[in-house]
């Protein structure tokens, strides 16, 4: 038993997100090597002939910056969701892939939409609202972490070192806030137990 397994961290935790990210890079690589333009296979809102765009949306990316930002974030947020919701992961993963594409087909601007951002936003939203609904400190902390990853995914990659510094600073600040909240919450619980 490794030191990490006692925390629920194991090799399989990164397997599914890693497979999906690898698949996105494989599709992108084929598109680049053979000079295909698969953007026309994305979601075209309101067009019934492009129904398949709901399924192909997360696999198609416009350029290297686009796929880097989406896959890094999808890998970490996907691993976080798998860690937090191991029994529900398959359903969450599938619904977060399909439902945003369907919603985009109904309400999106009338041009082609590609990328895994909708999938990523759905996963982050799930973690965020699960934390709020359950008032679960760990989930709230994870939603803040996910929010930082999502924010990092839209950064201009010409300034990546600045973005990493800012993001790490935000993560550390949020961890400090959550630690303070937990210690205050534990002190409050101790006072309640003492008074009863």
Protein backbone atom coordinates (compact mmCIF):
# COMPACT_ATOMS: atom_id res chain seq x y z
CA UNK A 1 0.00 0.00 0.00
CA UNK A 2 1.52 3.28 -1.09
CA UNK A 3 1.46 6.43 1.00
CA UNK A 4 -1.01 8.04 -1.43
CA UNK A 5 -3.53 5.19 -1.47
CA UNK A 6 -4.66 5.95 2.06
CA UNK A 7 -5.99 9.24 0.65
CA UNK A 8 -7.86 7.51 -2.16
CA UNK A 9 -5.25 8.43 -4.77
CA UNK A 10 -4.32 5.57 -7.08
CA UNK A 11 -3.16 5.02 -10.67
CA UNK A 12 -6.70 4.43 -11.92
CA UNK A 13 -7.68 7.90 -10.75
CA UNK A 14 -5.96 9.41 -13.77
CA UNK A 15 -6.75 6.63 -16.24
CA UNK A 16 -10.12 7.72 -17.65
CA UNK A 17 -9.36 11.43 -17.86
CA UNK A 18 -6.00 10.49 -19.40
CA UNK A 19 -7.64 8.29 -22.04
CA UNK A 20 -10.11 11.01 -23.02
CA UNK A 21 -7.40 13.67 -23.17
CA UNK A 22 -5.23 11.34 -25.27
CA UNK A 23 -8.13 10.79 -27.64
CA UNK A 24 -8.57 14.55 -28.07
CA UNK A 25 -4.86 14.92 -28.86
CA UNK A 26 -5.02 11.97 -31.28
CA UNK A 27 -7.89 13.59 -33.20
CA UNK A 28 -6.08 16.95 -33.19
CA UNK A 29 -2.87 15.29 -34.39
CA UNK A 30 -4.63 13.61 -37.31
CA UNK A 31 -6.26 16.89 -38.25
CA UNK A 32 -2.92 18.72 -38.21
CA UNK A 33 -0.81 16.06 -39.95
CA UNK A 34 -3.25 15.54 -42.81
CA UNK A 35 -4.33 19.21 -42.98
CA UNK A 36 -7.99 18.41 -42.40
CA UNK A 37 -10.43 21.07 -41.32
CA UNK A 38 -12.83 19.28 -39.02
CA UNK A 39 -14.32 22.45 -37.55
CA UNK A 40 -17.37 21.90 -39.74
CA UNK A 41 -18.13 18.77 -37.69
CA UNK A 42 -18.74 20.79 -34.53
CA UNK A 43 -22.12 21.88 -33.22
CA UNK A 44 -24.10 24.03 -35.64
CA UNK A 45 -27.04 25.27 -33.53
CA UNK A 46 -30.50 24.64 -34.89
CA UNK A 47 -29.31 22.59 -37.87
CA UNK A 48 -30.71 19.05 -37.72
CA UNK A 49 -28.19 17.85 -40.34
CA UNK A 50 -25.42 18.59 -37.81
CA UNK A 51 -26.89 16.56 -34.92
CA UNK A 52 -23.57 14.65 -34.61
CA UNK A 53 -21.85 17.87 -33.49
CA UNK A 54 -23.21 17.22 -30.00
CA UNK A 55 -20.96 14.13 -29.89
CA UNK A 56 -17.93 15.49 -31.77
CA UNK A 57 -17.80 18.90 -30.06
CA UNK A 58 -15.18 18.09 -27.37
CA UNK A 59 -12.79 16.31 -29.74
CA UNK A 60 -12.31 19.19 -32.17
CA UNK A 61 -10.03 22.15 -31.43
CA UNK A 62 -9.01 25.20 -33.41
CA UNK A 63 -5.30 25.39 -32.58
CA UNK A 64 -2.62 24.22 -30.17
CA UNK A 65 -3.46 26.81 -27.49
CA UNK A 66 -7.10 25.76 -27.61
CA UNK A 67 -6.38 22.06 -27.09
CA UNK A 68 -3.72 22.70 -24.44
CA UNK A 69 -6.05 24.83 -22.35
CA UNK A 70 -8.93 22.38 -22.64
CA UNK A 71 -7.02 19.14 -22.09
CA UNK A 72 -4.94 20.28 -19.12
CA UNK A 73 -8.07 21.50 -17.37
CA UNK A 74 -10.16 18.48 -18.39
CA UNK A 75 -7.51 16.09 -17.10
CA UNK A 76 -7.29 17.68 -13.65
CA UNK A 77 -10.98 18.42 -13.22
CA UNK A 78 -11.88 14.94 -14.53
CA UNK A 79 -9.49 13.36 -12.01
CA UNK A 80 -10.99 15.52 -9.26
CA UNK A 81 -14.53 14.42 -10.15
CA UNK A 82 -13.43 10.77 -10.26
CA UNK A 83 -11.78 11.16 -6.85
CA UNK A 84 -14.80 12.89 -5.30
CA UNK A 85 -17.59 10.89 -6.94
CA UNK A 86 -16.19 7.44 -7.85
CA UNK A 87 -19.61 5.75 -8.00
CA UNK A 88 -21.24 8.54 -10.02
CA UNK A 89 -18.28 9.34 -12.24
CA UNK A 90 -19.52 7.52 -15.37
CA UNK A 91 -22.89 9.29 -15.28
CA UNK A 92 -21.38 12.69 -14.47
CA UNK A 93 -18.74 12.31 -17.20
CA UNK A 94 -21.26 11.25 -19.86
CA UNK A 95 -23.91 13.85 -18.98
CA UNK A 96 -21.30 16.61 -18.82
CA UNK A 97 -20.21 15.61 -22.31
CA UNK A 98 -23.68 15.35 -23.92
CA UNK A 99 -25.96 17.86 -22.15
CA UNK A 100 -23.89 21.02 -22.88
CA UNK A 101 -23.74 20.05 -26.56
CA UNK A 102 -27.52 19.65 -26.67
CA UNK A 103 -28.02 22.96 -24.88
CA UNK A 104 -25.59 24.64 -27.27
CA UNK A 105 -27.50 23.19 -30.23
CA UNK A 106 -30.66 24.90 -28.96
CA UNK A 107 -29.32 28.25 -27.74
CA UNK A 108 -25.94 28.80 -29.41
CA UNK A 109 -25.03 31.43 -32.00
CA UNK A 110 -25.58 30.19 -35.56
CA UNK A 111 -21.98 29.20 -36.33
CA UNK A 112 -19.80 26.14 -35.67
CA UNK A 113 -18.78 25.50 -32.07
CA UNK A 114 -15.83 23.25 -31.20
CA UNK A 115 -13.76 22.39 -28.13
CA UNK A 116 -14.12 20.72 -24.75
CA UNK A 117 -14.85 23.95 -22.85
CA UNK A 118 -18.56 23.18 -22.48
CA UNK A 119 -17.67 19.76 -21.06
CA UNK A 120 -15.18 21.34 -18.69
CA UNK A 121 -17.65 24.01 -17.52
CA UNK A 122 -20.27 21.32 -16.88
CA UNK A 123 -17.85 19.30 -14.72
CA UNK A 124 -16.74 22.37 -12.76
CA UNK A 125 -20.37 23.42 -12.27
CA UNK A 126 -21.24 19.98 -10.96
CA UNK A 127 -18.45 20.10 -8.36
CA UNK A 128 -19.39 23.67 -7.40
CA UNK A 129 -23.12 23.06 -6.96
CA UNK A 130 -22.53 19.73 -5.20
CA UNK A 131 -20.38 21.58 -2.69
CA UNK A 132 -23.02 24.26 -2.15
CA UNK A 133 -26.00 21.91 -1.96
CA UNK A 134 -24.28 19.55 0.46
CA UNK A 135 -22.47 22.35 2.33
CA UNK A 136 -19.47 20.07 2.21
CA UNK A 137 -16.20 21.86 2.95
CA UNK A 138 -14.07 19.54 0.84
CA UNK A 139 -16.32 19.91 -2.19
CA UNK A 140 -16.36 23.67 -1.78
CA UNK A 141 -12.57 23.66 -1.68
CA UNK A 142 -12.47 21.48 -4.79
CA UNK A 143 -14.89 23.77 -6.59
CA UNK A 144 -12.59 26.72 -5.86
CA UNK A 145 -9.64 24.69 -7.15
CA UNK A 146 -11.67 23.71 -10.23
CA UNK A 147 -12.62 27.32 -10.79
CA UNK A 148 -8.94 28.26 -10.75
CA UNK A 149 -8.13 25.51 -13.25
CA UNK A 150 -10.99 26.66 -15.47
CA UNK A 151 -9.76 30.26 -15.25
CA UNK A 152 -6.24 29.15 -16.09
CA UNK A 153 -7.52 27.34 -19.16
CA UNK A 154 -8.54 30.59 -20.86
CA UNK A 155 -5.25 32.39 -20.24
CA UNK A 156 -3.17 33.70 -23.13
CA UNK A 157 -0.31 31.20 -23.40
CA UNK A 158 2.23 33.81 -24.48
CA UNK A 159 2.28 34.85 -20.82
CA UNK A 160 2.14 31.36 -19.35
CA UNK A 161 4.66 31.97 -16.56
CA UNK A 162 2.73 34.98 -15.31
CA UNK A 163 -0.50 33.00 -15.51
CA UNK A 164 0.99 30.10 -13.55
CA UNK A 165 2.28 32.44 -10.86
CA UNK A 166 -1.10 34.15 -10.54
CA UNK A 167 -2.98 30.85 -10.53
CA UNK A 168 -0.72 29.25 -7.93
CA UNK A 169 -1.06 32.37 -5.81
CA UNK A 170 -4.87 32.18 -6.04
CA UNK A 171 -4.87 28.47 -5.17
CA UNK A 172 -2.66 29.05 -2.13
CA UNK A 173 -4.85 31.93 -0.96
CA UNK A 174 -7.98 29.80 -1.30
CA UNK A 175 -6.37 26.89 0.56
CA UNK A 176 -5.53 29.32 3.36
CA UNK A 177 -9.10 30.59 3.47
CA UNK A 178 -10.50 27.08 3.60
CA UNK A 179 -8.01 26.07 6.30
CA UNK A 180 -9.09 29.10 8.35
CA UNK A 181 -12.75 28.25 7.75
CA UNK A 182 -12.16 24.65 8.86
CA UNK A 183 -10.35 25.69 12.04
CA UNK A 184 -13.11 28.18 12.90
CA UNK A 185 -15.73 25.52 12.16
CA UNK A 186 -13.93 22.97 14.39
CA UNK A 187 -13.62 25.50 17.22
CA UNK A 188 -17.34 26.25 16.89
CA UNK A 189 -18.14 22.51 17.03
CA UNK A 190 -15.99 22.10 20.15
CA UNK A 191 -17.84 24.99 21.86
CA UNK A 192 -21.18 23.39 21.02
CA UNK A 193 -20.08 20.01 22.41
CA UNK A 194 -18.79 21.64 25.59
CA UNK A 195 -22.01 23.53 26.17
CA UNK A 196 -24.20 20.41 25.73
